[in-house]
């Protein structure tokens, strides 16, 4: 064990606000951050907002999902998103394109969706085929319809502490912490992974919550020391068991974004769960943690986009 863990003080206390979800403890003693339960609460709120929108404007909020190719994992995600949209009272517009679709055709489709008044949100499922410039495609989405929160305008507004449509997984981490009454202000937070989809916007969200943030990446010299001092840890690497449970600071809040399939076919996170749960104060399961939250926040973004386009927020 490194010296950084030996003198580690107690980790994050609950905030003054009471938890909205009844806590359930793991066998190791940590409180399980039940993403399914919180996502159900979010989706119920979204459904009520969508119903109010439909009653006022005579149409449902609309979400267009564009998938290029038939990547198996992407197909599962897209089916889940479309089903969740319909259950929440959001109109789903499916656009499934073959893998060899020319980039110009993809851009033309997005242009039509940008102009379609029935469409309030546009989601382009990643990854795109290697021959397609992902940045060009994502940048072509109208920022007002960018329900993934990936457009440079939306990421820039988040960085400037003026968030509009926020990246769904990082926003899901924040909402999960809020629902469980986990205080983030003043806490030492470590994000492992620096992707544009999770790691970088996650750091911005934590900064917005007034945590003190470290982002770890391939250039980090002593990853263990950075993890061991984290009161709040977000693991977003995409490698099974990348972070040993023994590295977790006692009492820490652990948000595991990784969803990895083992050789045996099991889904596991980036953090070794059992040993981490014996040390953490709070921990997300995989599956059942940030996956459901990501879809729930996508639906919330879609309704917010519809409301913003009508000047309601």
Protein backbone atom coordinates (compact mmCIF):
# COMPACT_ATOMS: atom_id res chain seq x y z
CA UNK A 1 0.00 0.00 0.00
CA UNK A 2 1.34 3.44 -0.87
CA UNK A 3 1.95 6.10 1.73
CA UNK A 4 -0.96 8.15 0.40
CA UNK A 5 -3.50 5.72 1.83
CA UNK A 6 -1.99 5.32 5.27
CA UNK A 7 -2.97 8.75 6.50
CA UNK A 8 -6.20 9.04 4.52
CA UNK A 9 -8.94 10.75 6.52
CA UNK A 10 -12.55 9.67 6.39
CA UNK A 11 -14.28 10.02 3.04
CA UNK A 12 -17.33 11.97 1.91
CA UNK A 13 -20.13 12.52 4.35
CA UNK A 14 -23.74 12.62 3.28
CA UNK A 15 -25.05 16.04 2.44
CA UNK A 16 -27.55 17.92 4.54
CA UNK A 17 -30.28 16.86 2.10
CA UNK A 18 -31.74 13.44 2.97
CA UNK A 19 -31.34 10.59 0.52
CA UNK A 20 -34.30 10.18 -1.84
CA UNK A 21 -33.71 6.43 -2.15
CA UNK A 22 -33.77 3.98 0.75
CA UNK A 23 -30.20 2.68 1.14
CA UNK A 24 -29.38 -0.99 0.65
CA UNK A 25 -25.97 -2.27 1.69
CA UNK A 26 -23.77 -4.71 -0.19
CA UNK A 27 -22.34 -7.79 1.52
CA UNK A 28 -19.15 -5.77 1.94
CA UNK A 29 -20.97 -3.01 3.79
CA UNK A 30 -21.05 -0.22 1.18
CA UNK A 31 -24.33 1.42 0.25
CA UNK A 32 -25.36 0.18 -3.18
CA UNK A 33 -26.05 3.06 -5.57
CA UNK A 34 -29.07 1.56 -7.32
CA UNK A 35 -29.11 3.12 -10.76
CA UNK A 36 -32.23 1.19 -11.75
CA UNK A 37 -34.25 2.64 -8.87
CA UNK A 38 -33.09 6.22 -9.43
CA UNK A 39 -33.52 5.90 -13.20
CA UNK A 40 -37.11 4.79 -12.62
CA UNK A 41 -37.71 7.98 -10.63
CA UNK A 42 -36.18 10.11 -13.37
CA UNK A 43 -38.18 8.36 -16.08
CA UNK A 44 -41.41 8.88 -14.15
CA UNK A 45 -40.65 12.60 -13.93
CA UNK A 46 -39.81 12.67 -17.65
CA UNK A 47 -43.07 10.90 -18.51
CA UNK A 48 -45.06 13.49 -16.57
CA UNK A 49 -43.24 16.32 -18.34
CA UNK A 50 -43.70 14.66 -21.73
CA UNK A 51 -47.43 14.25 -21.09
CA UNK A 52 -47.76 17.92 -20.16
CA UNK A 53 -45.85 18.90 -23.32
CA UNK A 54 -48.09 16.68 -25.47
CA UNK A 55 -51.25 18.14 -23.93
CA UNK A 56 -50.07 21.67 -24.61
CA UNK A 57 -48.65 21.29 -28.12
CA UNK A 58 -50.57 18.37 -29.60
CA UNK A 59 -47.51 16.23 -30.21
CA UNK A 60 -45.02 14.24 -28.19
CA UNK A 61 -41.41 15.32 -27.72
CA UNK A 62 -39.47 13.64 -30.53
CA UNK A 63 -36.15 11.78 -30.43
CA UNK A 64 -34.38 10.67 -33.61
CA UNK A 65 -31.82 7.90 -33.19
CA UNK A 66 -29.34 7.40 -36.02
CA UNK A 67 -27.38 4.14 -36.20
CA UNK A 68 -24.86 3.46 -38.95
CA UNK A 69 -23.97 -0.22 -39.34
CA UNK A 70 -25.00 -3.11 -37.11
CA UNK A 71 -22.45 -3.23 -34.31
CA UNK A 72 -24.02 -5.73 -31.85
CA UNK A 73 -23.42 -3.67 -28.71
CA UNK A 74 -24.70 -0.52 -30.41
CA UNK A 75 -27.81 -2.35 -31.58
CA UNK A 76 -28.61 -3.38 -28.00
CA UNK A 77 -28.13 0.19 -26.76
CA UNK A 78 -30.30 1.60 -29.55
CA UNK A 79 -33.13 -0.86 -28.87
CA UNK A 80 -33.05 0.02 -25.18
CA UNK A 81 -33.10 3.74 -25.90
CA UNK A 82 -35.99 3.46 -28.32
CA UNK A 83 -38.02 1.30 -25.96
CA UNK A 84 -37.36 3.66 -23.05
CA UNK A 85 -38.40 6.63 -25.19
CA UNK A 86 -41.75 5.11 -26.04
CA UNK A 87 -42.39 4.15 -22.41
CA UNK A 88 -41.71 7.76 -21.37
CA UNK A 89 -44.15 9.23 -23.92
CA UNK A 90 -41.43 10.37 -26.34
CA UNK A 91 -41.88 9.80 -30.07
CA UNK A 92 -39.01 7.71 -31.45
CA UNK A 93 -37.80 8.19 -35.02
CA UNK A 94 -35.52 5.33 -36.14
CA UNK A 95 -32.89 5.87 -38.82
CA UNK A 96 -30.86 2.69 -39.38
CA UNK A 97 -28.27 3.09 -42.12
CA UNK A 98 -25.97 0.45 -43.67
CA UNK A 99 -22.32 0.53 -42.64
CA UNK A 100 -21.22 1.66 -46.10
CA UNK A 101 -23.40 4.79 -46.07
CA UNK A 102 -21.41 7.69 -47.50
CA UNK A 103 -20.53 10.44 -44.99
CA UNK A 104 -22.33 12.97 -47.17
CA UNK A 105 -25.55 10.97 -46.84
CA UNK A 106 -25.21 10.89 -43.04
CA UNK A 107 -24.69 14.64 -42.96
CA UNK A 108 -27.67 15.15 -45.26
CA UNK A 109 -29.87 13.08 -42.94
CA UNK A 110 -28.79 15.10 -39.92
CA UNK A 111 -29.52 18.28 -41.84
CA UNK A 112 -33.08 17.08 -42.45
CA UNK A 113 -33.49 16.13 -38.79
CA UNK A 114 -32.20 19.54 -37.71
CA UNK A 115 -34.97 21.12 -39.78
CA UNK A 116 -37.73 18.69 -38.75
CA UNK A 117 -40.03 20.37 -36.22
CA UNK A 118 -41.22 17.00 -34.92
CA UNK A 119 -37.68 16.18 -33.80
CA UNK A 120 -36.51 17.78 -30.55
CA UNK A 121 -33.48 15.56 -29.96
CA UNK A 122 -30.97 13.84 -32.22
CA UNK A 123 -28.78 10.98 -31.05
CA UNK A 124 -26.07 9.57 -33.29
CA UNK A 125 -25.04 6.18 -31.93
CA UNK A 126 -21.28 5.75 -31.59
CA UNK A 127 -19.01 4.30 -32.80
CA UNK A 128 -19.45 5.28 -36.43
CA UNK A 129 -17.71 3.34 -39.21
CA UNK A 130 -13.98 4.09 -39.43
CA UNK A 131 -14.36 5.78 -42.81
CA UNK A 132 -16.64 8.43 -41.26
CA UNK A 133 -15.28 11.56 -39.57
CA UNK A 134 -17.04 11.32 -36.23
CA UNK A 135 -16.27 14.92 -35.29
CA UNK A 136 -17.82 16.26 -38.49
CA UNK A 137 -20.98 14.25 -37.93
CA UNK A 138 -21.36 15.20 -34.27
CA UNK A 139 -20.62 18.86 -35.01
CA UNK A 140 -23.38 18.91 -37.64
CA UNK A 141 -26.12 18.23 -35.06
CA UNK A 142 -28.06 21.34 -34.05
CA UNK A 143 -26.79 22.15 -30.52
CA UNK A 144 -30.40 22.74 -29.46
CA UNK A 145 -31.16 19.11 -30.40
CA UNK A 146 -27.89 17.60 -29.16
CA UNK A 147 -29.33 15.38 -26.43
CA UNK A 148 -26.03 13.52 -26.04
CA UNK A 149 -24.43 16.80 -24.96
CA UNK A 150 -21.41 16.20 -27.22
CA UNK A 151 -21.56 19.29 -29.44
CA UNK A 152 -18.68 21.74 -28.80
CA UNK A 153 -21.20 24.45 -27.90
CA UNK A 154 -22.77 22.32 -25.17
CA UNK A 155 -19.46 21.07 -23.81
CA UNK A 156 -18.17 24.64 -23.85
CA UNK A 157 -21.21 25.91 -21.94
CA UNK A 158 -20.65 23.20 -19.33
CA UNK A 159 -17.02 24.29 -19.00
CA UNK A 160 -18.20 27.89 -18.52
CA UNK A 161 -20.60 26.86 -15.74
CA UNK A 162 -23.64 27.56 -17.96
CA UNK A 163 -24.86 24.01 -18.69
CA UNK A 164 -27.71 23.36 -21.10
CA UNK A 165 -27.86 19.87 -22.58
CA UNK A 166 -25.33 17.86 -20.57
CA UNK A 167 -23.49 14.62 -21.46
CA UNK A 168 -25.74 11.86 -20.18
CA UNK A 169 -23.41 9.59 -18.23
CA UNK A 170 -21.64 12.35 -16.24
CA UNK A 171 -24.99 14.01 -15.58
CA UNK A 172 -26.25 10.62 -14.42
CA UNK A 173 -23.39 10.38 -11.90
CA UNK A 174 -24.33 13.78 -10.47
CA UNK A 175 -28.02 12.90 -10.27
CA UNK A 176 -27.22 9.58 -8.56
CA UNK A 177 -25.08 11.37 -5.98
CA UNK A 178 -27.89 13.88 -5.37
CA UNK A 179 -30.49 11.15 -4.91
CA UNK A 180 -28.34 9.42 -2.29
CA UNK A 181 -27.43 12.63 -0.50
CA UNK A 182 -23.71 12.33 -1.26
CA UNK A 183 -21.99 15.67 -0.74
CA UNK A 184 -19.56 16.61 -3.53
CA UNK A 185 -18.64 20.16 -2.59
CA UNK A 186 -15.12 20.37 -1.21
CA UNK A 187 -14.43 16.69 -1.79
CA UNK A 188 -11.34 15.25 -3.44
CA UNK A 189 -12.58 13.66 -6.67
CA UNK A 190 -10.60 11.50 -9.09
CA UNK A 191 -11.74 10.61 -12.60
CA UNK A 192 -9.90 7.70 -14.20
CA UNK A 193 -10.24 8.11 -17.96
CA UNK A 194 -10.13 11.26 -20.08
CA UNK A 195 -12.48 10.52 -22.98
CA UNK A 196 -14.62 13.22 -24.55
CA UNK A 197 -17.73 11.14 -23.81
CA UNK A 198 -17.24 10.57 -20.07
CA UNK A 199 -13.94 11.55 -18.50
CA UNK A 200 -13.57 15.17 -19.56
CA UNK A 201 -17.23 16.23 -19.09
CA UNK A 202 -17.27 14.29 -15.81
CA UNK A 203 -14.45 16.47 -14.55
CA UNK A 204 -16.41 19.57 -15.57
CA UNK A 205 -19.53 18.32 -13.77
CA UNK A 206 -17.52 17.68 -10.60
CA UNK A 207 -15.95 21.12 -10.83
CA UNK A 208 -19.44 22.57 -11.21
CA UNK A 209 -20.35 20.73 -8.00
CA UNK A 210 -17.29 22.42 -6.40
CA UNK A 211 -15.24 19.28 -5.87
CA UNK A 212 -11.45 19.37 -6.20
CA UNK A 213 -10.82 17.29 -9.29
CA UNK A 214 -7.96 15.18 -10.67
CA UNK A 215 -8.22 13.49 -14.07
CA UNK A 216 -6.05 10.41 -14.62
CA UNK A 217 -5.01 9.17 -18.07
CA UNK A 218 -2.22 7.27 -19.81
CA UNK A 219 0.28 9.93 -18.72
CA UNK A 220 -0.52 9.59 -15.01
CA UNK A 221 2.61 8.42 -13.18
CA UNK A 222 1.15 6.88 -10.01
CA UNK A 223 -2.45 5.88 -10.61
CA UNK A 224 -2.71 3.97 -7.36
CA UNK A 225 -1.78 7.01 -5.29
CA UNK A 226 -4.36 9.15 -7.11
CA UNK A 227 -7.11 6.57 -6.56
CA UNK A 228 -6.19 6.00 -2.92
CA UNK A 229 -6.67 9.63 -2.00
CA UNK A 230 -10.00 10.01 -3.80
CA UNK A 231 -13.07 10.65 -1.66
CA UNK A 232 -15.10 10.41 -4.87
CA UNK A 233 -13.92 8.07 -7.62
CA UNK A 234 -15.32 7.85 -11.15
CA UNK A 235 -13.86 4.95 -13.15
CA UNK A 236 -14.34 5.33 -16.91
CA UNK A 237 -11.64 3.32 -18.64
CA UNK A 238 -13.49 0.43 -20.25
CA UNK A 239 -11.16 -2.30 -18.93
CA UNK A 240 -12.48 -5.05 -16.70
CA UNK A 241 -11.11 -4.92 -13.16
CA UNK A 242 -8.65 -2.17 -14.04
CA UNK A 243 -8.84 -0.69 -10.52
CA UNK A 244 -8.23 -3.16 -7.67
CA UNK A 245 -10.58 -2.89 -4.73
CA UNK A 246 -7.63 -2.53 -2.37
CA UNK A 247 -6.94 0.91 -3.85
CA UNK A 248 -10.29 2.33 -2.76
CA UNK A 249 -10.12 4.86 0.05
CA UNK A 250 -12.20 3.76 3.07
CA UNK A 251 -15.64 5.35 2.89
CA UNK A 252 -15.22 6.63 -0.68
CA UNK A 253 -18.08 7.06 -3.14
CA UNK A 254 -17.30 4.87 -6.17
CA UNK A 255 -19.05 5.43 -9.51
CA UNK A 256 -18.09 2.69 -11.96
CA UNK A 257 -18.93 3.67 -15.53
CA UNK A 258 -17.23 0.68 -17.14
CA UNK A 259 -19.36 -2.04 -18.73
CA UNK A 260 -17.09 -4.89 -19.81
CA UNK A 261 -17.93 -8.43 -20.86
CA UNK A 262 -15.61 -11.15 -19.55
CA UNK A 263 -14.57 -14.32 -21.37
CA UNK A 264 -17.25 -16.11 -19.35
CA UNK A 265 -19.88 -13.70 -20.69
CA UNK A 266 -20.41 -11.75 -17.47
CA UNK A 267 -20.74 -7.98 -17.34
CA UNK A 268 -18.29 -6.32 -14.94
CA UNK A 269 -17.04 -2.83 -14.26
CA UNK A 270 -13.64 -1.16 -14.26
CA UNK A 271 -13.42 -1.60 -10.46
CA UNK A 272 -13.09 -5.01 -8.78
CA UNK A 273 -16.47 -4.90 -7.06
CA UNK A 274 -16.31 -7.26 -4.08
CA UNK A 275 -13.08 -5.96 -2.58
CA UNK A 276 -14.04 -2.36 -3.38
CA UNK A 277 -17.43 -2.79 -1.67
CA UNK A 278 -15.64 -3.90 1.50
CA UNK A 279 -13.90 -0.51 1.68
CA UNK A 280 -16.21 2.00 -0.04
CA UNK A 281 -19.02 3.97 1.56
CA UNK A 282 -21.09 3.92 -1.63
CA UNK A 283 -20.62 1.97 -4.86
CA UNK A 284 -22.47 1.43 -8.14
CA UNK A 285 -23.12 -2.12 -9.36
CA UNK A 286 -22.36 -3.28 -12.90
CA UNK A 287 -24.82 -3.82 -14.44
CA UNK A 288 -27.57 -1.77 -12.84
CA UNK A 289 -25.63 1.36 -11.98
CA UNK A 290 -24.72 4.03 -14.52
CA UNK A 291 -26.19 2.21 -17.53
CA UNK A 292 -29.83 2.85 -16.56
CA UNK A 293 -28.92 6.37 -15.44
CA UNK A 294 -27.40 7.21 -18.83
CA UNK A 295 -30.63 6.29 -20.64
CA UNK A 296 -32.74 8.14 -18.07
CA UNK A 297 -30.72 11.33 -18.48
CA UNK A 298 -30.98 11.02 -22.27
CA UNK A 299 -34.76 11.05 -21.91
CA UNK A 300 -34.55 14.01 -19.52
CA UNK A 301 -32.39 15.87 -22.05
CA UNK A 302 -34.91 15.15 -24.81
CA UNK A 303 -37.81 16.65 -22.88
CA UNK A 304 -35.64 19.59 -21.82
CA UNK A 305 -34.68 20.16 -25.46
CA UNK A 306 -38.37 20.16 -26.43
CA UNK A 307 -39.17 22.63 -23.65
CA UNK A 308 -36.27 24.91 -24.56
CA UNK A 309 -37.31 24.98 -28.19
CA UNK A 310 -40.71 26.25 -27.05
CA UNK A 311 -39.17 28.78 -24.67
CA UNK A 312 -40.48 27.01 -21.56
CA UNK A 313 -37.07 26.86 -19.80
